C-alpha atoms as a PDB file:
ATOM      1  CA  MET A   1     -13.974  -3.977 -15.053  1.00  0.00           C
ATOM      2  CA  SER A   2     -11.669  -6.867 -14.296  1.00  0.00           C
ATOM      3  CA  LEU A   3     -11.306  -8.737 -11.000  1.00  0.00           C
ATOM      4  CA  LYS A   4      -7.731  -7.453 -10.783  1.00  0.00           C
ATOM      5  CA  PHE A   5      -8.931  -3.834 -11.016  1.00  0.00           C
ATOM      6  CA  ILE A   6     -11.668  -4.319  -8.412  1.00  0.00           C
ATOM      7  CA  VAL A   7      -9.357  -6.088  -5.961  1.00  0.00           C
ATOM      8  CA  HIS A   8      -6.537  -3.587  -6.450  1.00  0.00           C
ATOM      9  CA  TYR A   9      -8.548  -0.425  -5.911  1.00  0.00           C
ATOM     10  CA  GLY A  10     -10.783  -2.037  -3.303  1.00  0.00           C
ATOM     11  CA  PHE A  11      -7.710  -2.882  -1.237  1.00  0.00           C
ATOM     12  CA  HIS A  12      -6.240   0.582  -1.793  1.00  0.00           C
ATOM     13  CA  PHE A  13      -9.365   2.586  -0.914  1.00  0.00           C
ATOM     14  CA  LEU A  14     -12.086   0.459   0.723  1.00  0.00           C
ATOM     15  CA  LEU A  15     -10.087  -1.868   2.977  1.00  0.00           C
ATOM     16  CA  PRO A  16      -8.375   1.116   4.685  1.00  0.00           C
ATOM     17  CA  ILE A  17     -11.820   2.461   5.623  1.00  0.00           C
ATOM     18  CA  VAL A  18     -12.743  -0.886   7.165  1.00  0.00           C
ATOM     19  CA  ILE A  19      -9.424  -1.127   9.049  1.00  0.00           C
ATOM     20  CA  SER A  20      -9.657   2.487  10.219  1.00  0.00           C
ATOM     21  CA  LEU A  21     -13.232   2.161  11.454  1.00  0.00           C
ATOM     22  CA  TYR A  22     -12.689  -1.187  13.149  1.00  0.00           C
ATOM     23  CA  PHE A  23      -9.322  -0.667  14.840  1.00  0.00           C
ATOM     24  CA  TYR A  24      -9.136   3.129  15.231  1.00  0.00           C
ATOM     25  CA  LYS A  25     -12.723   4.182  15.954  1.00  0.00           C
ATOM     26  CA  LYS A  26     -11.893   7.462  17.685  1.00  0.00           C
ATOM     27  CA  LYS A  27      -9.459   8.732  15.065  1.00  0.00           C
ATOM     28  CA  TRP A  28     -10.519   6.746  11.998  1.00  0.00           C
ATOM     29  CA  ILE A  29     -10.474   9.741   9.640  1.00  0.00           C
ATOM     30  CA  GLN A  30      -6.870  10.591  10.518  1.00  0.00           C
ATOM     31  CA  VAL A  31      -5.833   6.940  10.132  1.00  0.00           C
ATOM     32  CA  TYR A  32      -7.686   6.635   6.820  1.00  0.00           C
ATOM     33  CA  PHE A  33      -5.833   9.657   5.434  1.00  0.00           C
ATOM     34  CA  ILE A  34      -2.533   8.089   6.512  1.00  0.00           C
ATOM     35  CA  PHE A  35      -3.506   4.987   4.528  1.00  0.00           C
ATOM     36  CA  ILE A  36      -4.398   7.110   1.511  1.00  0.00           C
ATOM     37  CA  GLY A  37      -1.197   9.133   1.946  1.00  0.00           C
ATOM     38  CA  THR A  38       0.875   6.007   1.460  1.00  0.00           C
ATOM     39  CA  MET A  39      -0.171   6.118  -2.181  1.00  0.00           C
ATOM     40  CA  LEU A  40       2.726   8.571  -2.488  1.00  0.00           C
ATOM     41  CA  VAL A  41       5.029   5.548  -2.354  1.00  0.00           C
ATOM     42  CA  ASP A  42       3.975   5.039  -5.976  1.00  0.00           C
ATOM     43  CA  VAL A  43       6.064   8.064  -6.968  1.00  0.00           C
ATOM     44  CA  ASP A  44       8.771   5.531  -7.785  1.00  0.00           C
ATOM     45  CA  HIS A  45       6.674   4.431 -10.760  1.00  0.00           C
ATOM     46  CA  LEU A  46       7.845   7.629 -12.465  1.00  0.00           C
ATOM     47  CA  LEU A  47      11.294   6.054 -12.782  1.00  0.00           C
ATOM     48  CA  ALA A  48       9.989   3.174 -14.905  1.00  0.00           C
ATOM     49  CA  ASN A  49       9.579   3.082 -18.648  1.00  0.00           C
ATOM     50  CA  PRO A  50       6.707   2.870 -19.367  1.00  0.00           C
ATOM     51  CA  ILE A  51       5.436   4.558 -16.208  1.00  0.00           C
ATOM     52  CA  PHE A  52       2.366   2.310 -16.083  1.00  0.00           C
ATOM     53  CA  ASP A  53       2.171  -1.267 -17.292  1.00  0.00           C
ATOM     54  CA  THR A  54      -0.846  -3.356 -16.305  1.00  0.00           C
ATOM     55  CA  ASN A  55       1.109  -6.590 -16.663  1.00  0.00           C
ATOM     56  CA  ARG A  56       4.136  -5.539 -14.605  1.00  0.00           C
ATOM     57  CA  CYS A  57       4.620  -6.726 -11.030  1.00  0.00           C
ATOM     58  CA  SER A  58       5.587  -3.720  -8.920  1.00  0.00           C
ATOM     59  CA  ILE A  59       7.109  -5.816  -6.146  1.00  0.00           C
ATOM     60  CA  ASN A  60      10.898  -5.821  -6.440  1.00  0.00           C
ATOM     61  CA  PHE A  61      10.702  -3.726  -9.624  1.00  0.00           C
ATOM     62  CA  HIS A  62      10.239  -0.182  -8.277  1.00  0.00           C
ATOM     63  CA  PRO A  63      12.700   1.093  -5.622  1.00  0.00           C
ATOM     64  CA  LEU A  64      10.084   1.725  -2.920  1.00  0.00           C
ATOM     65  CA  HIS A  65       8.505  -1.672  -3.620  1.00  0.00           C
ATOM     66  CA  THR A  66      11.651  -3.786  -3.093  1.00  0.00           C
ATOM     67  CA  PHE A  67      12.100  -6.419  -0.417  1.00  0.00           C
ATOM     68  CA  TYR A  68      14.549  -4.048   1.310  1.00  0.00           C
ATOM     69  CA  ALA A  69      11.898  -1.335   1.479  1.00  0.00           C
ATOM     70  CA  ILE A  70       9.338  -3.875   2.705  1.00  0.00           C
ATOM     71  CA  GLY A  71      11.822  -4.781   5.455  1.00  0.00           C
ATOM     72  CA  VAL A  72      11.940  -1.124   6.507  1.00  0.00           C
ATOM     73  CA  TYR A  73       8.134  -0.934   6.447  1.00  0.00           C
ATOM     74  CA  THR A  74       8.013  -4.054   8.637  1.00  0.00           C
ATOM     75  CA  THR A  75      10.358  -2.507  11.230  1.00  0.00           C
ATOM     76  CA  MET A  76       7.999   0.480  11.316  1.00  0.00           C
ATOM     77  CA  LEU A  77       5.518  -1.795  13.131  1.00  0.00           C
ATOM     78  CA  ILE A  78       7.690  -1.710  16.259  1.00  0.00           C
ATOM     79  CA  PRO A  79       7.533   1.979  17.332  1.00  0.00           C
ATOM     80  CA  LYS A  80       3.974   2.828  18.309  1.00  0.00           C
ATOM     81  CA  LYS A  81       4.206   6.366  16.884  1.00  0.00           C
ATOM     82  CA  ILE A  82       4.726   5.153  13.302  1.00  0.00           C
ATOM     83  CA  ARG A  83       2.939   1.793  13.496  1.00  0.00           C
ATOM     84  CA  VAL A  84      -0.090   2.970  11.488  1.00  0.00           C
ATOM     85  CA  LEU A  85       2.218   4.187   8.727  1.00  0.00           C
ATOM     86  CA  GLY A  86       3.979   0.817   8.696  1.00  0.00           C
ATOM     87  CA  ILE A  87       0.655  -1.021   8.515  1.00  0.00           C
ATOM     88  CA  ALA A  88      -0.501   1.227   5.687  1.00  0.00           C
ATOM     89  CA  LEU A  89       2.699   0.743   3.683  1.00  0.00           C
ATOM     90  CA  LEU A  90       2.593  -3.019   4.147  1.00  0.00           C
ATOM     91  CA  LEU A  91      -1.052  -3.109   3.067  1.00  0.00           C
ATOM     92  CA  HIS A  92      -0.031  -1.118  -0.006  1.00  0.00           C
ATOM     93  CA  MET A  93       2.730  -3.649  -0.778  1.00  0.00           C
ATOM     94  CA  PHE A  94       0.345  -6.557  -0.226  1.00  0.00           C
ATOM     95  CA  THR A  95      -2.168  -4.948  -2.570  1.00  0.00           C
ATOM     96  CA  ASP A  96       0.486  -4.496  -5.231  1.00  0.00           C
ATOM     97  CA  TYR A  97       1.608  -8.096  -4.682  1.00  0.00           C
ATOM     98  CA  LEU A  98      -1.943  -9.258  -5.422  1.00  0.00           C
ATOM     99  CA  ASP A  99      -1.509  -7.729  -8.875  1.00  0.00           C
ATOM    100  CA  CYS A 100       1.403 -10.109  -9.385  1.00  0.00           C
ATOM    101  CA  ILE A 101      -0.647 -13.226  -8.698  1.00  0.00           C
ATOM    102  CA  LEU A 102      -4.026 -12.272 -10.177  1.00  0.00           C
END
C-alpha cells in the first residue's frame, strides 16, 4: 500500500469519524453519514475516459471538482442548515487535492 492510498482513504473514511466525534458528539453518526454521502460527488468520474486514473488530478478535471464547484461548496458554510454538507464536500476536495501533490 502506498502513502498516497493510505492518506486518500484515511481522509475519506477515518478523518470524518474524528471530525464527527469531536465536533458533533450528540449526532456524530448522522454527521458521519453525511461525510460518507459526499462520496457521491465522485459520480462525475464516470464522464472521464478512463474512469479511473491513479495519476490524474481530480481537481479542476471533473465537473464537480472544479474551482467553481469548490466556490459553491465554500458558500455552503454560511447557512447553518447545510454547513456540515459544505464542510464534508470541502474535505472531499481537499482529500482529492492531496492526490495531486503526493
